[in-house]
Amino acid sequence: MIRTTGRILLLGVITATAACSTTPTVPTAPPPPTILEEPPWTGTLTTNGFQVFPFIATASGQVSATIFSLSPNPDNTVRVGLALGRWDGQACELIIANPDAFQTTIVYGTATTGGQLCAWIGDNKSRLTDPVDFDVRVTHP
C-alpha cells in the first residue's frame, strides 16, 4: 500500500511539472492566399487617356499593381500614372498613386477588409505623344 501511494504521488508530481512547463499557444489563422489576376490587365493608353481595372479582394491583406511593360518604350523614359483605389461600381476613387510610374513600378496598398477595389493607369500629365500599350499585373488577397 505504501508503494501504490508513492507511485500515485510521483505520477502527480510529473504531471504537475509537465503542466507548468508547457507554454500555451494561441492558434492563428493562416494569411489568405495572394491572387494574381489572370489574364494580365493589358490595353492601350492615348494622350490624356486612362483605364480602370475593377477587382474584388476577398479578405484583408496586401494589394499591388505592377507595370510589367509599356511599349513602345525603347529608351525606358515613358512615364504614366499608376494607382490603387476603391471601386464604387462606376468610378475608381484613387487612394494610393504614383504619378511618375514607369516600367517595373509597383504600387502597394493594404486592404483592411475584403471588397471592391480598382487599379488605374493613365496619362495624368499629358506626356504621351503616341499611344502606348501596357501590361499591368494586379495581386490581392
Protein backbone atom coordinates (compact mmCIF):
# COMPACT_ATOMS: atom_id res chain seq x y z
CA MET A 1 0.00 0.00 0.00
CA ILE A 2 2.86 2.40 0.62
CA ARG A 3 4.26 1.62 -2.81
CA THR A 4 0.96 2.41 -4.52
CA THR A 5 0.65 5.75 -2.75
CA GLY A 6 4.23 6.60 -3.70
CA ARG A 7 3.54 5.88 -7.33
CA ILE A 8 0.44 8.00 -7.37
CA LEU A 9 2.26 10.90 -5.75
CA LEU A 10 5.19 10.59 -8.15
CA LEU A 11 2.85 10.47 -11.13
CA GLY A 12 1.04 13.52 -9.77
CA VAL A 13 4.33 15.43 -9.44
CA ILE A 14 5.38 14.54 -13.00
CA THR A 15 2.00 15.62 -14.36
CA ALA A 16 2.07 18.88 -12.44
CA THR A 17 5.62 19.62 -13.58
CA ALA A 18 4.77 18.94 -17.20
CA ALA A 19 1.72 21.18 -16.99
CA CYS A 20 3.77 24.04 -15.52
CA SER A 21 6.48 23.91 -18.18
CA THR A 22 4.10 23.88 -21.16
CA THR A 23 3.55 27.27 -22.78
CA PRO A 24 0.06 27.54 -24.22
CA THR A 25 -0.13 28.53 -27.86
CA VAL A 26 -2.85 30.58 -29.40
CA PRO A 27 -3.90 29.29 -32.81
CA THR A 28 -3.73 31.86 -35.58
CA ALA A 29 -5.45 31.78 -38.92
CA PRO A 30 -3.17 31.43 -41.93
CA PRO A 31 -2.91 34.52 -44.14
CA PRO A 32 -5.25 34.49 -47.14
CA PRO A 33 -3.65 33.34 -50.38
CA THR A 34 -2.46 36.01 -52.78
CA ILE A 35 -4.42 36.09 -56.01
CA LEU A 36 -2.75 37.18 -59.25
CA GLU A 37 -5.46 38.42 -61.60
CA GLU A 38 -5.37 36.36 -64.78
CA PRO A 39 -5.15 37.17 -67.59
CA PRO A 40 -2.91 40.19 -67.05
CA TRP A 41 -4.54 43.58 -67.44
CA THR A 42 -3.50 44.90 -70.85
CA GLY A 43 -4.59 47.78 -73.03
CA THR A 44 -3.54 50.94 -74.81
CA LEU A 45 -3.15 54.45 -73.40
CA THR A 46 -3.50 57.56 -75.53
CA THR A 47 -2.67 61.18 -74.74
CA ASN A 48 -4.66 62.23 -71.63
CA GLY A 49 -6.32 58.80 -71.57
CA PHE A 50 -6.75 56.38 -68.70
CA GLN A 51 -8.11 52.92 -67.97
CA VAL A 52 -9.59 51.36 -64.83
CA PHE A 53 -9.46 47.73 -63.73
CA PRO A 54 -12.05 46.81 -61.04
CA PHE A 55 -11.46 43.67 -58.96
CA ILE A 56 -12.69 42.12 -55.72
CA ALA A 57 -10.42 41.39 -52.75
CA THR A 58 -11.88 38.53 -50.73
CA ALA A 59 -10.07 39.38 -47.48
CA SER A 60 -7.79 41.93 -45.88
CA GLY A 61 -4.14 41.98 -46.93
CA GLN A 62 -1.58 43.46 -49.29
CA VAL A 63 -2.67 44.67 -52.73
CA SER A 64 -0.28 45.60 -55.52
CA ALA A 65 -0.25 46.79 -59.12
CA THR A 66 2.93 46.36 -61.17
CA ILE A 67 3.70 47.77 -64.62
CA PHE A 68 5.31 44.85 -66.46
CA SER A 69 5.60 46.64 -69.77
CA LEU A 70 5.00 49.89 -71.61
CA SER A 71 5.53 49.64 -75.35
CA PRO A 72 6.88 51.22 -77.44
CA ASN A 73 9.36 52.45 -74.91
CA PRO A 74 12.81 51.99 -76.49
CA ASP A 75 14.71 54.18 -74.02
CA ASN A 76 12.55 53.37 -70.94
CA THR A 77 11.54 57.02 -70.47
CA VAL A 78 7.75 56.69 -70.78
CA ARG A 79 6.06 57.88 -67.57
CA VAL A 80 2.39 57.36 -66.66
CA GLY A 81 0.26 57.42 -63.53
CA LEU A 82 -0.45 54.19 -61.65
CA ALA A 83 -2.84 53.94 -58.70
CA LEU A 84 -4.92 51.70 -56.45
CA GLY A 85 -8.27 52.68 -55.03
CA ARG A 86 -11.86 51.82 -54.14
CA TRP A 87 -14.37 50.87 -56.82
CA ASP A 88 -17.92 52.16 -56.28
CA GLY A 89 -19.41 50.41 -59.30
CA GLN A 90 -18.88 53.37 -61.63
CA ALA A 91 -15.62 55.10 -60.72
CA CYS A 92 -12.26 54.42 -59.12
CA GLU A 93 -11.59 56.57 -56.04
CA LEU A 94 -7.78 56.76 -56.13
CA ILE A 95 -6.22 56.13 -52.71
CA ILE A 96 -2.54 55.38 -53.40
CA ALA A 97 -0.99 56.82 -56.54
CA ASN A 98 2.36 57.22 -58.25
CA PRO A 99 2.06 59.99 -60.87
CA ASP A 100 5.51 59.22 -62.33
CA ALA A 101 5.34 55.45 -62.79
CA PHE A 102 7.44 53.67 -65.37
CA GLN A 103 8.06 50.08 -66.43
CA THR A 104 8.67 47.93 -63.28
CA THR A 105 6.96 50.42 -60.91
CA ILE A 106 4.93 48.75 -58.16
CA VAL A 107 2.20 50.48 -56.15
CA TYR A 108 1.42 48.77 -52.81
CA GLY A 109 -1.57 49.16 -50.55
CA THR A 110 -3.33 47.30 -47.77
CA ALA A 111 -6.97 46.29 -47.90
CA THR A 112 -8.38 46.48 -44.37
CA THR A 113 -11.31 44.29 -45.40
CA GLY A 114 -12.40 42.45 -48.48
CA GLY A 115 -14.35 44.43 -51.04
CA GLN A 116 -14.42 46.16 -54.39
CA LEU A 117 -11.09 47.74 -55.33
CA CYS A 118 -9.57 49.06 -58.53
CA ALA A 119 -6.31 49.77 -60.30
CA TRP A 120 -5.89 52.82 -62.52
CA ILE A 121 -3.34 53.70 -65.20
CA GLY A 122 -3.32 56.91 -67.18
CA ASP A 123 -1.51 59.75 -68.90
CA ASN A 124 -2.14 62.08 -65.96
CA LYS A 125 0.44 64.67 -67.01
CA SER A 126 -0.23 64.72 -70.78
CA ARG A 127 3.19 63.31 -71.58
CA LEU A 128 2.24 60.72 -74.18
CA THR A 129 2.63 61.84 -77.77
CA ASP A 130 1.83 58.41 -79.25
CA PRO A 131 -0.29 55.50 -78.00
CA VAL A 132 1.43 53.16 -75.54
CA ASP A 133 0.49 49.53 -74.88
CA PHE A 134 0.64 48.46 -71.24
CA ASP A 135 0.72 45.23 -69.25
CA VAL A 136 -0.15 45.61 -65.55
CA ARG A 137 -0.30 42.74 -63.03
CA VAL A 138 -2.60 43.06 -60.00
CA THR A 139 -2.32 40.92 -56.85
CA HIS A 140 -4.65 40.91 -53.85
CA PRO A 141 -5.98 38.68 -51.08
